[in-house]
Protein backbone atom coordinates (compact mmCIF):
# COMPACT_ATOMS: atom_id res chain seq x y z
CA MET A 1 -95.18 12.93 32.45
CA ASP A 2 -93.51 10.01 34.08
CA MET A 3 -93.59 8.07 30.86
CA SER A 4 -91.97 10.88 28.89
CA SER A 5 -89.34 11.46 31.49
CA THR A 6 -88.54 7.78 31.51
CA VAL A 7 -88.16 7.75 27.75
CA THR A 8 -86.00 10.84 27.89
CA SER A 9 -83.73 9.31 30.48
CA MET A 10 -83.45 6.07 28.48
CA ALA A 11 -82.55 8.05 25.34
CA MET A 12 -79.89 9.97 27.20
CA ALA A 13 -78.46 6.75 28.62
CA MET A 14 -78.38 5.15 25.19
CA SER A 15 -76.65 8.22 23.71
CA GLU A 16 -74.08 8.16 26.46
CA THR A 17 -73.51 4.45 25.88
CA ILE A 18 -73.09 4.97 22.14
CA SER A 19 -70.67 7.88 22.67
CA SER A 20 -68.61 5.84 25.15
CA MET A 21 -68.52 2.93 22.72
CA ALA A 22 -67.40 5.27 19.92
CA MET A 23 -64.68 6.71 22.12
CA ALA A 24 -63.55 3.21 23.06
CA MET A 25 -63.41 2.15 19.40
CA THR A 26 -61.45 5.31 18.52
CA ALA A 27 -58.98 4.71 21.32
CA SER A 28 -58.61 1.06 20.28
CA ALA A 29 -57.95 2.04 16.66
CA THR A 30 -55.46 4.68 17.75
CA SER A 31 -53.60 2.23 19.98
CA THR A 32 -53.59 -0.33 17.17
CA MET A 33 -52.14 2.23 14.78
CA ASP A 34 -49.53 3.21 17.36
CA MET A 35 -48.58 -0.42 17.86
CA ASP A 36 -48.34 -0.98 14.12
CA SER A 37 -46.19 2.09 13.64
CA THR A 38 -44.04 1.06 16.60
CA GLU A 39 -43.60 -2.42 15.19
CA THR A 40 -42.80 -0.98 11.75
CA MET A 41 -40.22 1.35 13.23
CA SER A 42 -38.70 -1.45 15.29
CA MET A 43 -38.58 -3.70 12.23
CA SER A 44 -36.95 -0.98 10.16
CA MET A 45 -34.46 -0.28 12.94
CA SER A 46 -33.69 -3.97 13.31
CA SER A 47 -33.25 -4.32 9.54
CA SER A 48 -30.96 -1.31 9.44
CA THR A 49 -29.05 -2.71 12.38
CA SER A 50 -28.72 -6.06 10.67
CA ASP A 51 -27.61 -4.29 7.49
CA SER A 52 -25.01 -2.33 9.43
CA ASP A 53 -23.93 -5.50 11.19
CA SER A 54 -23.57 -7.27 7.88
CA MET A 55 -21.57 -4.34 6.53
CA ASP A 56 -19.36 -4.44 9.60
CA MET A 57 -18.89 -8.15 9.18
CA GLY A 58 -18.03 -7.67 5.53
CA SER A 59 -15.45 -5.01 6.36
CA SER A 60 -14.04 -7.03 9.24
CA ASP A 61 -12.93 -9.81 6.90
CA CYS A 62 -9.62 -7.97 6.62
CA LYS A 63 -7.84 -7.36 9.90
CA ILE A 64 -6.07 -4.01 9.61
CA SER A 65 -4.63 -2.02 12.49
CA MET A 66 -2.55 1.12 12.78
CA LEU A 67 -1.02 -0.28 15.98
CA TRP A 68 1.52 -3.04 16.42
CA ASN A 69 -0.12 -6.39 15.74
CA TRP A 70 0.63 -10.05 14.98
CA TYR A 71 -2.26 -10.80 12.63
CA THR A 72 -1.84 -13.84 10.37
CA ILE A 73 -5.17 -15.20 9.14
CA ASP A 74 -7.45 -12.56 7.53
CA SER A 75 -4.62 -10.05 7.33
CA CYS A 76 -4.67 -7.86 4.22
CA PHE A 77 -1.96 -5.73 2.66
CA ILE A 78 -2.14 -2.89 0.12
CA HIS A 79 -5.16 -4.35 -1.77
CA SER A 80 -8.23 -6.37 -0.80
CA GLY A 81 -7.05 -9.08 -3.17
CA TRP A 82 -4.00 -9.60 -0.97
CA HIS A 83 -6.09 -11.38 1.65
CA ASN A 84 -4.36 -14.07 3.68
CA THR A 85 -7.18 -16.48 4.49
CA THR A 86 -4.86 -19.29 5.64
CA ARG A 87 -1.52 -19.59 7.37
CA ALA A 88 -0.01 -20.98 4.17
CA LYS A 89 -0.97 -17.81 2.28
CA PHE A 90 0.46 -15.66 5.02
CA GLY A 91 3.70 -17.65 4.91
CA GLY A 92 3.88 -17.08 1.15
CA SER A 93 3.36 -13.36 1.75
CA CYS A 94 6.26 -13.35 4.21
CA VAL A 95 8.55 -15.05 1.68
CA GLY A 96 7.46 -12.55 -0.96
CA VAL A 97 8.27 -9.62 1.32
CA VAL A 98 11.76 -11.05 1.94
CA PHE A 99 12.40 -11.31 -1.80
CA MET A 100 10.96 -7.84 -2.41
CA THR A 101 13.32 -6.28 0.13
CA ALA A 102 16.29 -8.23 -1.24
CA LEU A 103 15.35 -7.03 -4.73
CA MET A 104 15.88 -3.49 -3.50
CA GLU A 105 19.53 -4.29 -2.78
CA LEU A 106 19.88 -6.06 -6.13
CA LEU A 107 18.65 -2.98 -7.99
CA ARG A 108 21.05 -0.81 -6.02
CA ARG A 109 23.96 -3.06 -7.02
CA LEU A 110 22.75 -3.06 -10.63
CA SER A 111 22.82 0.73 -10.64
CA LYS A 112 26.40 0.72 -9.36
CA GLU A 113 27.52 -1.85 -11.91
CA TYR A 114 25.98 0.10 -14.78
CA ASP A 115 27.74 3.27 -13.62
CA ARG A 116 31.00 1.30 -13.48
CA TYR A 117 30.38 0.06 -16.99
CA LEU A 118 29.84 3.59 -18.29
CA ALA A 119 32.90 4.91 -16.45
CA GLN A 120 35.07 2.15 -17.91
CA LYS A 121 33.59 2.62 -21.36
CA TYR A 122 34.36 6.32 -21.54
CA SER A 123 37.67 6.25 -19.69
CA THR A 124 39.23 3.69 -22.09
CA PRO A 125 40.31 5.01 -25.54
CA ALA A 126 38.56 3.45 -28.49
CA ARG A 127 42.01 2.50 -29.79
CA PRO A 128 44.25 1.64 -26.83
CA GLU A 129 47.26 1.33 -29.09
CA LEU A 130 47.20 5.12 -29.49
CA ALA A 131 48.75 5.47 -26.06
CA SER A 132 51.82 3.47 -27.08
CA ASP A 133 52.15 4.83 -30.58
CA VAL A 134 52.96 8.43 -29.77
CA ASP A 135 56.26 8.27 -31.59
CA SER A 136 54.93 6.52 -34.70
CA GLU A 137 51.67 8.48 -35.01
CA GLY A 138 53.03 11.85 -33.95
CA LYS A 139 51.09 14.66 -32.41
CA GLY A 140 47.67 13.31 -33.48
CA ALA A 141 47.93 10.21 -31.33
CA SER A 142 49.29 12.19 -28.39
CA LYS A 143 46.41 14.67 -28.63
CA THR A 144 43.79 11.90 -28.74
CA PHE A 145 45.26 10.21 -25.67
CA ARG A 146 45.30 13.50 -23.75
CA GLN A 147 41.63 14.06 -24.60
CA PHE A 148 40.63 10.66 -23.19
CA ALA A 149 42.77 11.17 -20.08
CA SER A 150 41.23 14.60 -19.46
CA ARG A 151 37.72 13.22 -19.93
CA SER A 152 38.42 10.43 -17.46
CA ARG A 153 39.57 12.90 -14.80
CA LYS A 154 36.57 15.21 -15.22
CA GLY A 155 33.97 12.45 -15.12
CA VAL A 156 31.60 10.86 -17.59
CA MET A 157 28.53 12.42 -19.19
CA PRO A 158 26.27 9.61 -20.50
CA ASN A 159 24.25 10.06 -23.65
CA VAL A 160 20.43 10.19 -23.78
CA PHE A 161 19.92 6.42 -24.06
CA GLU A 162 22.36 5.64 -21.26
CA GLN A 163 20.75 8.22 -18.98
CA ALA A 164 17.32 6.76 -19.80
CA VAL A 165 18.58 3.35 -18.65
CA ARG A 166 19.94 4.86 -15.43
CA ALA A 167 16.64 6.65 -14.80
CA PHE A 168 14.69 3.43 -15.40
CA ILE A 169 16.80 1.54 -12.85
CA HIS A 170 16.21 4.40 -10.42
CA LEU A 171 12.46 4.16 -11.07
CA LEU A 172 12.48 0.44 -10.25
CA GLN A 173 14.36 1.18 -7.03
CA PHE A 174 11.91 3.90 -6.05
CA VAL A 175 8.77 1.83 -6.74
CA ASN A 176 10.13 -1.18 -4.88
CA ALA A 177 11.19 0.91 -1.88
CA TYR A 178 7.80 2.66 -1.84
CA PHE A 179 5.88 -0.62 -1.64
CA VAL A 180 8.20 -1.89 1.10
CA MET A 181 7.42 1.29 3.04
CA LEU A 182 3.67 0.73 2.56
CA LEU A 183 3.99 -2.82 3.88
CA ALA A 184 5.83 -1.57 6.96
CA MET A 185 3.00 0.89 7.68
CA TYR A 186 0.64 -2.01 8.46
CA TYR A 187 2.63 -2.50 11.70
CA ASN A 188 2.48 -6.27 11.34
CA GLY A 189 5.30 -7.72 13.40
CA TYR A 190 5.90 -10.67 11.08
CA ILE A 191 6.05 -8.48 7.98
CA ILE A 192 8.46 -6.03 9.59
CA ILE A 193 10.72 -8.89 10.65
CA CYS A 194 10.64 -10.19 7.06
CA ILE A 195 11.67 -6.73 5.84
CA PHE A 196 14.67 -6.82 8.17
CA ILE A 197 15.59 -10.33 7.01
CA GLY A 198 15.29 -9.36 3.34
CA SER A 199 17.45 -6.29 3.87
CA TYR A 200 20.13 -8.38 5.57
CA LEU A 201 20.13 -11.11 2.92
CA GLY A 202 20.10 -8.58 0.09
CA ALA A 203 23.04 -6.68 1.54
CA PHE A 204 24.92 -9.91 2.19
CA MET A 205 24.50 -11.16 -1.38
CA PHE A 206 24.57 -8.01 -3.49
CA SER A 207 26.90 -5.72 -1.50
CA TRP A 208 29.75 -8.24 -1.49
CA GLU A 209 32.35 -6.26 -3.42
CA PRO A 210 35.79 -4.73 -2.91
CA ILE A 211 35.63 -1.95 -0.34
CA GLY A 212 36.74 1.47 -1.50
CA SER A 213 36.55 0.72 -5.22
CA GLY A 214 35.15 4.21 -5.72
CA LEU A 215 33.45 3.62 -9.07
CA GLY A 216 29.72 4.03 -9.22
CA ASN A 217 29.31 4.99 -5.58
CA SER A 218 27.33 8.11 -6.33
CA SER A 219 24.81 9.54 -3.91
CA SER A 220 21.98 8.73 -6.32
CA ASN A 221 22.44 5.06 -5.50
CA GLU A 222 21.59 5.65 -1.86
CA GLU A 223 18.90 8.34 -1.81
CA VAL A 224 16.12 6.16 -3.25
CA THR A 225 15.99 3.89 -0.18
CA VAL A 226 16.80 6.46 2.49
CA CYS A 227 13.21 6.20 3.79
CA CYS A 228 13.52 2.46 4.28
CA GLY A 229 17.09 2.18 5.55
C-alpha cells in the first residue's frame, strides 16, 4: 500500500509538472506572438509616419501662405514649375511681375489708340474734297458730306473684323489682369511691391497723352482692370 501510494503521488507530481511546463510554454509563445505583433505594428506605424513625413517634406518644398509673408527662396507662384529655388530666380520673378503689370497699361493704351483710329477713320470722308466742292458737284456732294458729319456726331459702329480686334485686345487685358490678381493673392510682400512699381511705370509711360482728348476714353477701357486698380 505504501508503494502504490508513493507511485500515485509521484505520477500526480509529474502530471502537475508537465501541465505547468505546458502552461509556461503556452504563455511564452503567446507573449512572443504579442511582441511580434507589437513590433510589426510599431514598424508599420513608423513606416507610415516616415511616409507622411516624406510627403510633408515634399509638399513643403514650396512655401505658400495665405498671410502676409516675405518668402524668397522656395517661394512658388501659380504653378509648381514657378519655383524660386535661388535668390536670382526670385529676382527674375520680380522683374517679370513688373513687366506684366506694365503690360496691362500698355494694352489699355493700345485699346484707346485703336478706338481713336476707328473714330478718325469713320469721321473723315473718303473723299475730303467733297466738302469743298459743294458748288461744283451740286447736291450730291453736299448730301455725302452731311451723311459723314451726321455719322461722326452719332458715333462709330465698327464692322465685324474691327470689333473682333477690339474684343481680342480686351481679352488680353482681362487675362493679364487676372494673372496679376492671382499673384497678389499669394500675399508676398515683394511681389505686391513689384505690382505697385509696374503699375506706376506703366501709367507713366503709356498714359502720357493730352488730357481731355476725349477720343477712345470709353468705359470699356477701364472696367477690365477695376479689380486690380
